[in-house]
Amino acid sequence: MATRDRVIHVTPDAYDRLEREGGRRGVQPDALADELLAAELAPAQSDLDSILADLAEIRSRVRGPVDVVAVVREAREELEHRGL
C-alpha cells in the first residue's frame, strides 16, 4: 500500500511519552506512533463481518475435510526433494 507522510500534532507531554516508550522499545517516536495508530484503528466490526462472510464463502468451496498433517508432510517432502 502506498503511503505518504502526514503531520499529526501532539502535546509536548504526549511527544515526551512517545520518545520514552520508543526509547524503551528501541524505535523512533514516529514508528511507535504508526504502530499505536494501526493497533488502535483496527478494522471496524462491519469490516470483520464482511471478511468472515468472504471466508465462509471460500470455505464452502472446499471439498471435504482437509488432513492438515498430510498437507504438512507433503510440503516437507517437497522441500526436502528440492533441497531446501
PDB file of N, CA and C in Angstrom:
ATOM      1  N   MET A   1       0.844  -1.162   0.000  1.00  0.00           N
ATOM      2  CA  MET A   1       0.000   0.000   0.000  1.00  0.00           C
ATOM      3  C   MET A   1       0.895   1.233   0.000  1.00  0.00           C
ATOM      4  N   ALA A   2       0.602   2.154  -0.863  1.00  0.00           N
ATOM      5  CA  ALA A   2       1.375   3.389  -0.932  1.00  0.00           C
ATOM      6  C   ALA A   2       0.983   4.289   0.238  1.00  0.00           C
ATOM      7  N   THR A   3       1.965   4.930   0.785  1.00  0.00           N
ATOM      8  CA  THR A   3       1.695   5.859   1.877  1.00  0.00           C
ATOM      9  C   THR A   3       2.409   7.168   1.602  1.00  0.00           C
ATOM     10  N   ARG A   4       1.983   8.182   2.280  1.00  0.00           N
ATOM     11  CA  ARG A   4       2.691   9.449   2.214  1.00  0.00           C
ATOM     12  C   ARG A   4       2.696  10.048   3.603  1.00  0.00           C
ATOM     13  N   ASP A   5       3.693  10.835   3.865  1.00  0.00           N
ATOM     14  CA  ASP A   5       3.834  11.424   5.191  1.00  0.00           C
ATOM     15  C   ASP A   5       2.708  12.395   5.484  1.00  0.00           C
ATOM     16  N   ARG A   6       2.282  12.381   6.718  1.00  0.00           N
ATOM     17  CA  ARG A   6       1.283  13.318   7.241  1.00  0.00           C
ATOM     18  C   ARG A   6       1.825  13.877   8.546  1.00  0.00           C
ATOM     19  N   VAL A   7       1.362  15.035   8.908  1.00  0.00           N
ATOM     20  CA  VAL A   7       1.775  15.656  10.163  1.00  0.00           C
ATOM     21  C   VAL A   7       0.630  15.536  11.156  1.00  0.00           C
ATOM     22  N   ILE A   8       0.963  15.031  12.325  1.00  0.00           N
ATOM     23  CA  ILE A   8      -0.010  14.940  13.413  1.00  0.00           C
ATOM     24  C   ILE A   8       0.544  15.747  14.571  1.00  0.00           C
ATOM     25  N   HIS A   9      -0.251  16.661  15.073  1.00  0.00           N
ATOM     26  CA  HIS A   9       0.184  17.492  16.192  1.00  0.00           C
ATOM     27  C   HIS A   9      -0.205  16.814  17.499  1.00  0.00           C
ATOM     28  N   VAL A  10       0.775  16.685  18.382  1.00  0.00           N
ATOM     29  CA  VAL A  10       0.528  16.133  19.709  1.00  0.00           C
ATOM     30  C   VAL A  10       1.064  17.116  20.736  1.00  0.00           C
ATOM     31  N   THR A  11       0.578  16.986  21.937  1.00  0.00           N
ATOM     32  CA  THR A  11       1.057  17.867  23.004  1.00  0.00           C
ATOM     33  C   THR A  11       2.512  17.522  23.322  1.00  0.00           C
ATOM     34  N   PRO A  12       3.233  18.458  23.890  1.00  0.00           N
ATOM     35  CA  PRO A  12       4.617  18.162  24.282  1.00  0.00           C
ATOM     36  C   PRO A  12       4.701  16.956  25.225  1.00  0.00           C
ATOM     37  N   ASP A  13       3.730  16.840  26.125  1.00  0.00           N
ATOM     38  CA  ASP A  13       3.716  15.711  27.051  1.00  0.00           C
ATOM     39  C   ASP A  13       3.537  14.389  26.296  1.00  0.00           C
ATOM     40  N   ALA A  14       2.635  14.367  25.324  1.00  0.00           N
ATOM     41  CA  ALA A  14       2.408  13.145  24.541  1.00  0.00           C
ATOM     42  C   ALA A  14       3.665  12.790  23.749  1.00  0.00           C
ATOM     43  N   TYR A  15       4.334  13.784  23.184  1.00  0.00           N
ATOM     44  CA  TYR A  15       5.556  13.510  22.426  1.00  0.00           C
ATOM     45  C   TYR A  15       6.648  12.974  23.350  1.00  0.00           C
ATOM     46  N   ASP A  16       6.754  13.543  24.549  1.00  0.00           N
ATOM     47  CA  ASP A  16       7.739  13.047  25.523  1.00  0.00           C
ATOM     48  C   ASP A  16       7.470  11.579  25.850  1.00  0.00           C
ATOM     49  N   ARG A  17       6.189  11.230  26.012  1.00  0.00           N
ATOM     50  CA  ARG A  17       5.844   9.834  26.287  1.00  0.00           C
ATOM     51  C   ARG A  17       6.182   8.935  25.104  1.00  0.00           C
ATOM     52  N   LEU A  18       5.941   9.420  23.871  1.00  0.00           N
ATOM     53  CA  LEU A  18       6.325   8.653  22.684  1.00  0.00           C
ATOM     54  C   LEU A  18       7.841   8.439  22.640  1.00  0.00           C
ATOM     55  N   GLU A  19       8.598   9.481  22.976  1.00  0.00           N
ATOM     56  CA  GLU A  19      10.058   9.346  22.992  1.00  0.00           C
ATOM     57  C   GLU A  19      10.521   8.337  24.038  1.00  0.00           C
ATOM     58  N   ARG A  20       9.952   8.427  25.241  1.00  0.00           N
ATOM     59  CA  ARG A  20      10.356   7.499  26.301  1.00  0.00           C
ATOM     60  C   ARG A  20      10.014   6.058  25.934  1.00  0.00           C
ATOM     61  N   GLU A  21       8.784   5.834  25.490  1.00  0.00           N
ATOM     62  CA  GLU A  21       8.366   4.477  25.150  1.00  0.00           C
ATOM     63  C   GLU A  21       9.111   3.972  23.913  1.00  0.00           C
ATOM     64  N   GLY A  22       9.326   4.858  22.959  1.00  0.00           N
ATOM     65  CA  GLY A  22      10.106   4.483  21.781  1.00  0.00           C
ATOM     66  C   GLY A  22      11.529   4.096  22.168  1.00  0.00           C
ATOM     67  N   GLY A  23      12.112   4.852  23.086  1.00  0.00           N
ATOM     68  CA  GLY A  23      13.452   4.525  23.562  1.00  0.00           C
ATOM     69  C   GLY A  23      13.481   3.181  24.265  1.00  0.00           C
ATOM     70  N   ARG A  24      12.455   2.909  25.047  1.00  0.00           N
ATOM     71  CA  ARG A  24      12.365   1.622  25.742  1.00  0.00           C
ATOM     72  C   ARG A  24      12.262   0.479  24.752  1.00  0.00           C
ATOM     73  N   ARG A  25      11.506   0.685  23.665  1.00  0.00           N
ATOM     74  CA  ARG A  25      11.315  -0.359  22.656  1.00  0.00           C
ATOM     75  C   ARG A  25      12.388  -0.365  21.574  1.00  0.00           C
ATOM     76  N   GLY A  26      13.211   0.670  21.566  1.00  0.00           N
ATOM     77  CA  GLY A  26      14.258   0.747  20.546  1.00  0.00           C
ATOM     78  C   GLY A  26      13.749   1.197  19.184  1.00  0.00           C
ATOM     79  N   VAL A  27      12.703   2.024  19.172  1.00  0.00           N
ATOM     80  CA  VAL A  27      12.161   2.548  17.913  1.00  0.00           C
ATOM     81  C   VAL A  27      12.011   4.064  18.011  1.00  0.00           C
ATOM     82  N   GLN A  28      11.959   4.711  16.866  1.00  0.00           N
ATOM     83  CA  GLN A  28      11.771   6.151  16.821  1.00  0.00           C
ATOM     84  C   GLN A  28      10.335   6.503  17.209  1.00  0.00           C
ATOM     85  N   PRO A  29      10.106   7.719  17.720  1.00  0.00           N
ATOM     86  CA  PRO A  29       8.753   8.117  18.113  1.00  0.00           C
ATOM     87  C   PRO A  29       7.730   8.001  16.974  1.00  0.00           C
ATOM     88  N   ASP A  30       8.130   8.349  15.737  1.00  0.00           N
ATOM     89  CA  ASP A  30       7.171   8.271  14.631  1.00  0.00           C
ATOM     90  C   ASP A  30       6.802   6.826  14.316  1.00  0.00           C
ATOM     91  N   ALA A  31       7.755   5.901  14.426  1.00  0.00           N
ATOM     92  CA  ALA A  31       7.459   4.488  14.187  1.00  0.00           C
ATOM     93  C   ALA A  31       6.521   3.953  15.271  1.00  0.00           C
ATOM     94  N   LEU A  32       6.736   4.376  16.506  1.00  0.00           N
ATOM     95  CA  LEU A  32       5.862   3.966  17.599  1.00  0.00           C
ATOM     96  C   LEU A  32       4.459   4.527  17.394  1.00  0.00           C
ATOM     97  N   ALA A  33       4.361   5.789  16.968  1.00  0.00           N
ATOM     98  CA  ALA A  33       3.051   6.386  16.704  1.00  0.00           C
ATOM     99  C   ALA A  33       2.327   5.607  15.606  1.00  0.00           C
ATOM    100  N   ASP A  34       3.034   5.220  14.534  1.00  0.00           N
ATOM    101  CA  ASP A  34       2.436   4.409  13.469  1.00  0.00           C
ATOM    102  C   ASP A  34       1.897   3.098  14.028  1.00  0.00           C
ATOM    103  N   GLU A  35       2.714   2.439  14.848  1.00  0.00           N
ATOM    104  CA  GLU A  35       2.322   1.149  15.432  1.00  0.00           C
ATOM    105  C   GLU A  35       1.083   1.296  16.319  1.00  0.00           C
ATOM    106  N   LEU A  36       1.082   2.318  17.160  1.00  0.00           N
ATOM    107  CA  LEU A  36      -0.042   2.528  18.066  1.00  0.00           C
ATOM    108  C   LEU A  36      -1.320   2.885  17.308  1.00  0.00           C
ATOM    109  N   LEU A  37      -1.198   3.707  16.281  1.00  0.00           N
ATOM    110  CA  LEU A  37      -2.374   4.062  15.483  1.00  0.00           C
ATOM    111  C   LEU A  37      -2.928   2.855  14.740  1.00  0.00           C
ATOM    112  N   ALA A  38      -2.048   2.040  14.179  1.00  0.00           N
ATOM    113  CA  ALA A  38      -2.500   0.846  13.461  1.00  0.00           C
ATOM    114  C   ALA A  38      -3.241  -0.106  14.396  1.00  0.00           C
ATOM    115  N   ALA A  39      -2.739  -0.252  15.611  1.00  0.00           N
ATOM    116  CA  ALA A  39      -3.381  -1.146  16.576  1.00  0.00           C
ATOM    117  C   ALA A  39      -4.721  -0.581  17.041  1.00  0.00           C
ATOM    118  N   GLU A  40      -4.774   0.706  17.235  1.00  0.00           N
ATOM    119  CA  GLU A  40      -5.996   1.341  17.737  1.00  0.00           C
ATOM    120  C   GLU A  40      -7.062   1.456  16.662  1.00  0.00           C
ATOM    121  N   LEU A  41      -6.652   1.624  15.429  1.00  0.00           N
ATOM    122  CA  LEU A  41      -7.610   1.836  14.338  1.00  0.00           C
ATOM    123  C   LEU A  41      -7.787   0.572  13.515  1.00  0.00           C
ATOM    124  N   ALA A  42      -7.950  -0.542  14.201  1.00  0.00           N
ATOM    125  CA  ALA A  42      -8.168  -1.831  13.539  1.00  0.00           C
ATOM    126  C   ALA A  42      -9.495  -1.779  12.771  1.00  0.00           C
ATOM    127  N   PRO A  43      -9.706  -2.735  11.854  1.00  0.00           N
ATOM    128  CA  PRO A  43     -10.953  -2.725  11.082  1.00  0.00           C
ATOM    129  C   PRO A  43     -12.184  -2.702  11.980  1.00  0.00           C
ATOM    130  N   ALA A  44     -13.193  -1.996  11.527  1.00  0.00           N
ATOM    131  CA  ALA A  44     -14.463  -1.917  12.255  1.00  0.00           C
ATOM    132  C   ALA A  44     -15.162  -3.269  12.197  1.00  0.00           C
ATOM    133  N   GLN A  45     -16.105  -3.491  13.098  1.00  0.00           N
ATOM    134  CA  GLN A  45     -16.825  -4.764  13.151  1.00  0.00           C
ATOM    135  C   GLN A  45     -17.495  -5.076  11.826  1.00  0.00           C
ATOM    136  N   SER A  46     -18.024  -4.057  11.145  1.00  0.00           N
ATOM    137  CA  SER A  46     -18.677  -4.312   9.862  1.00  0.00           C
ATOM    138  C   SER A  46     -17.678  -4.856   8.852  1.00  0.00           C
ATOM    139  N   ASP A  47     -16.428  -4.363   8.900  1.00  0.00           N
ATOM    140  CA  ASP A  47     -15.370  -4.893   8.034  1.00  0.00           C
ATOM    141  C   ASP A  47     -15.093  -6.350   8.388  1.00  0.00           C
ATOM    142  N   LEU A  48     -15.060  -6.643   9.672  1.00  0.00           N
ATOM    143  CA  LEU A  48     -14.803  -8.012  10.110  1.00  0.00           C
ATOM    144  C   LEU A  48     -15.936  -8.938   9.693  1.00  0.00           C
ATOM    145  N   ASP A  49     -17.160  -8.452   9.767  1.00  0.00           N
ATOM    146  CA  ASP A  49     -18.301  -9.258   9.332  1.00  0.00           C
ATOM    147  C   ASP A  49     -18.178  -9.592   7.848  1.00  0.00           C
ATOM    148  N   SER A  50     -17.765  -8.614   7.071  1.00  0.00           N
ATOM    149  CA  SER A  50     -17.586  -8.830   5.635  1.00  0.00           C
ATOM    150  C   SER A  50     -16.477  -9.840   5.375  1.00  0.00           C
ATOM    151  N   ILE A  51     -15.396  -9.729   6.110  1.00  0.00           N
ATOM    152  CA  ILE A  51     -14.271 -10.661   5.965  1.00  0.00           C
ATOM    153  C   ILE A  51     -14.716 -12.076   6.333  1.00  0.00           C
ATOM    154  N   LEU A  52     -15.438 -12.195   7.441  1.00  0.00           N
ATOM    155  CA  LEU A  52     -15.918 -13.518   7.865  1.00  0.00           C
ATOM    156  C   LEU A  52     -16.869 -14.121   6.836  1.00  0.00           C
ATOM    157  N   ALA A  53     -17.711 -13.298   6.236  1.00  0.00           N
ATOM    158  CA  ALA A  53     -18.617 -13.787   5.197  1.00  0.00           C
ATOM    159  C   ALA A  53     -17.830 -14.273   3.985  1.00  0.00           C
ATOM    160  N   ASP A  54     -16.796 -13.536   3.612  1.00  0.00           N
ATOM    161  CA  ASP A  54     -15.943 -13.955   2.497  1.00  0.00           C
ATOM    162  C   ASP A  54     -15.253 -15.285   2.805  1.00  0.00           C
ATOM    163  N   LEU A  55     -14.760 -15.423   4.031  1.00  0.00           N
ATOM    164  CA  LEU A  55     -14.104 -16.671   4.420  1.00  0.00           C
ATOM    165  C   LEU A  55     -15.084 -17.839   4.412  1.00  0.00           C
ATOM    166  N   ALA A  56     -16.298 -17.603   4.862  1.00  0.00           N
ATOM    167  CA  ALA A  56     -17.312 -18.662   4.848  1.00  0.00           C
ATOM    168  C   ALA A  56     -17.608 -19.092   3.416  1.00  0.00           C
ATOM    169  N   GLU A  57     -17.645 -18.144   2.492  1.00  0.00           N
ATOM    170  CA  GLU A  57     -17.904 -18.463   1.092  1.00  0.00           C
ATOM    171  C   GLU A  57     -16.758 -19.289   0.516  1.00  0.00           C
ATOM    172  N   ILE A  58     -15.532 -18.905   0.825  1.00  0.00           N
ATOM    173  CA  ILE A  58     -14.361 -19.665   0.359  1.00  0.00           C
ATOM    174  C   ILE A  58     -14.386 -21.063   0.949  1.00  0.00           C
ATOM    175  N   ARG A  59     -14.681 -21.144   2.236  1.00  0.00           N
ATOM    176  CA  ARG A  59     -14.710 -22.453   2.908  1.00  0.00           C
ATOM    177  C   ARG A  59     -15.773 -23.367   2.307  1.00  0.00           C
ATOM    178  N   SER A  60     -16.868 -22.785   1.856  1.00  0.00           N
ATOM    179  CA  SER A  60     -17.940 -23.600   1.275  1.00  0.00           C
ATOM    180  C   SER A  60     -17.497 -24.259  -0.032  1.00  0.00           C
ATOM    181  N   ARG A  61     -16.465 -23.688  -0.663  1.00  0.00           N
ATOM    182  CA  ARG A  61     -15.971 -24.259  -1.925  1.00  0.00           C
ATOM    183  C   ARG A  61     -14.953 -25.379  -1.709  1.00  0.00           C
ATOM    184  N   VAL A  62     -14.476 -25.532  -0.486  1.00  0.00           N
ATOM    185  CA  VAL A  62     -13.505 -26.593  -0.189  1.00  0.00           C
ATOM    186  C   VAL A  62     -14.253 -27.914  -0.127  1.00  0.00           C
ATOM    187  N   ARG A  63     -13.725 -28.899  -0.835  1.00  0.00           N
ATOM    188  CA  ARG A  63     -14.397 -30.204  -0.890  1.00  0.00           C
ATOM    189  C   ARG A  63     -13.921 -31.090   0.244  1.00  0.00           C
ATOM    190  N   GLY A  64     -14.782 -31.341   1.180  1.00  0.00           N
ATOM    191  CA  GLY A  64     -14.472 -32.259   2.266  1.00  0.00           C
ATOM    192  C   GLY A  64     -13.464 -31.696   3.252  1.00  0.00           C
ATOM    193  N   PRO A  65     -13.246 -32.452   4.320  1.00  0.00           N
ATOM    194  CA  PRO A  65     -12.267 -32.017   5.331  1.00  0.00           C
ATOM    195  C   PRO A  65     -10.845 -32.111   4.786  1.00  0.00           C
ATOM    196  N   VAL A  66      -9.977 -31.285   5.329  1.00  0.00           N
ATOM    197  CA  VAL A  66      -8.579 -31.259   4.922  1.00  0.00           C
ATOM    198  C   VAL A  66      -7.744 -31.917   6.016  1.00  0.00           C
ATOM    199  N   ASP A  67      -6.884 -32.852   5.629  1.00  0.00           N
ATOM    200  CA  ASP A  67      -5.976 -33.502   6.568  1.00  0.00           C
ATOM    201  C   ASP A  67      -4.719 -32.638   6.661  1.00  0.00           C
ATOM    202  N   VAL A  68      -4.681 -31.785   7.664  1.00  0.00           N
ATOM    203  CA  VAL A  68      -3.589 -30.831   7.812  1.00  0.00           C
ATOM    204  C   VAL A  68      -2.255 -31.542   7.980  1.00  0.00           C
ATOM    205  N   VAL A  69      -2.239 -32.628   8.714  1.00  0.00           N
ATOM    206  CA  VAL A  69      -0.997 -33.382   8.925  1.00  0.00           C
ATOM    207  C   VAL A  69      -0.455 -33.877   7.588  1.00  0.00           C
ATOM    208  N   ALA A  70      -1.329 -34.386   6.740  1.00  0.00           N
ATOM    209  CA  ALA A  70      -0.902 -34.873   5.429  1.00  0.00           C
ATOM    210  C   ALA A  70      -0.387 -33.729   4.566  1.00  0.00           C
ATOM    211  N   VAL A  71      -1.030 -32.579   4.630  1.00  0.00           N
ATOM    212  CA  VAL A  71      -0.594 -31.423   3.850  1.00  0.00           C
ATOM    213  C   VAL A  71       0.802 -30.989   4.275  1.00  0.00           C
ATOM    214  N   VAL A  72       1.036 -30.920   5.595  1.00  0.00           N
ATOM    215  CA  VAL A  72       2.354 -30.526   6.104  1.00  0.00           C
ATOM    216  C   VAL A  72       3.405 -31.566   5.716  1.00  0.00           C
ATOM    217  N   ARG A  73       3.075 -32.832   5.835  1.00  0.00           N
ATOM    218  CA  ARG A  73       4.002 -33.902   5.465  1.00  0.00           C
ATOM    219  C   ARG A  73       4.394 -33.782   3.983  1.00  0.00           C
ATOM    220  N   GLU A  74       3.402 -33.579   3.132  1.00  0.00           N
ATOM    221  CA  GLU A  74       3.681 -33.431   1.699  1.00  0.00           C
ATOM    222  C   GLU A  74       4.549 -32.214   1.422  1.00  0.00           C
ATOM    223  N   ALA A  75       4.284 -31.118   2.115  1.00  0.00           N
ATOM    224  CA  ALA A  75       5.084 -29.906   1.923  1.00  0.00           C
ATOM    225  C   ALA A  75       6.519 -30.136   2.357  1.00  0.00           C
ATOM    226  N   ARG A  76       6.721 -30.808   3.490  1.00  0.00           N
ATOM    227  CA  ARG A  76       8.084 -31.103   3.950  1.00  0.00           C
ATOM    228  C   ARG A  76       8.813 -31.991   2.955  1.00  0.00           C
ATOM    229  N   GLU A  77       8.120 -33.012   2.446  1.00  0.00           N
ATOM    230  CA  GLU A  77       8.737 -33.908   1.475  1.00  0.00           C
ATOM    231  C   GLU A  77       9.134 -33.150   0.219  1.00  0.00           C
ATOM    232  N   GLU A  78       8.271 -32.247  -0.222  1.00  0.00           N
ATOM    233  CA  GLU A  78       8.592 -31.458  -1.414  1.00  0.00           C
ATOM    234  C   GLU A  78       9.789 -30.558  -1.171  1.00  0.00           C
ATOM    235  N   LEU A  79       9.869 -29.937   0.004  1.00  0.00           N
ATOM    236  CA  LEU A  79      11.007 -29.089   0.334  1.00  0.00           C
ATOM    237  C   LEU A  79      12.290 -29.905   0.406  1.00  0.00           C
ATOM    238  N   GLU A  80      12.221 -31.080   1.008  1.00  0.00           N
ATOM    239  CA  GLU A  80      13.397 -31.959   1.088  1.00  0.00           C
ATOM    240  C   GLU A  80      13.828 -32.380  -0.299  1.00  0.00           C
ATOM    241  N   HIS A  81      12.873 -32.671  -1.162  1.00  0.00           N
ATOM    242  CA  HIS A  81      13.180 -33.064  -2.545  1.00  0.00           C
ATOM    243  C   HIS A  81      13.880 -31.921  -3.276  1.00  0.00           C
ATOM    244  N   ARG A  82      13.484 -30.692  -2.979  1.00  0.00           N
ATOM    245  CA  ARG A  82      14.108 -29.511  -3.612  1.00  0.00           C
ATOM    246  C   ARG A  82      15.436 -29.176  -2.968  1.00  0.00           C
ATOM    247  N   GLY A  83      15.723 -29.770  -1.837  1.00  0.00           N
ATOM    248  CA  GLY A  83      16.977 -29.477  -1.127  1.00  0.00           C
ATOM    249  C   GLY A  83      16.904 -28.221  -0.290  1.00  0.00           C
ATOM    250  N   LEU A  84      15.703 -27.825   0.114  1.00  0.00           N
ATOM    251  CA  LEU A  84      15.549 -26.605   0.914  1.00  0.00           C
ATOM    252  C   LEU A  84      15.408 -26.919   2.370  1.00  0.00           C
TER     253      LEU A  84
END
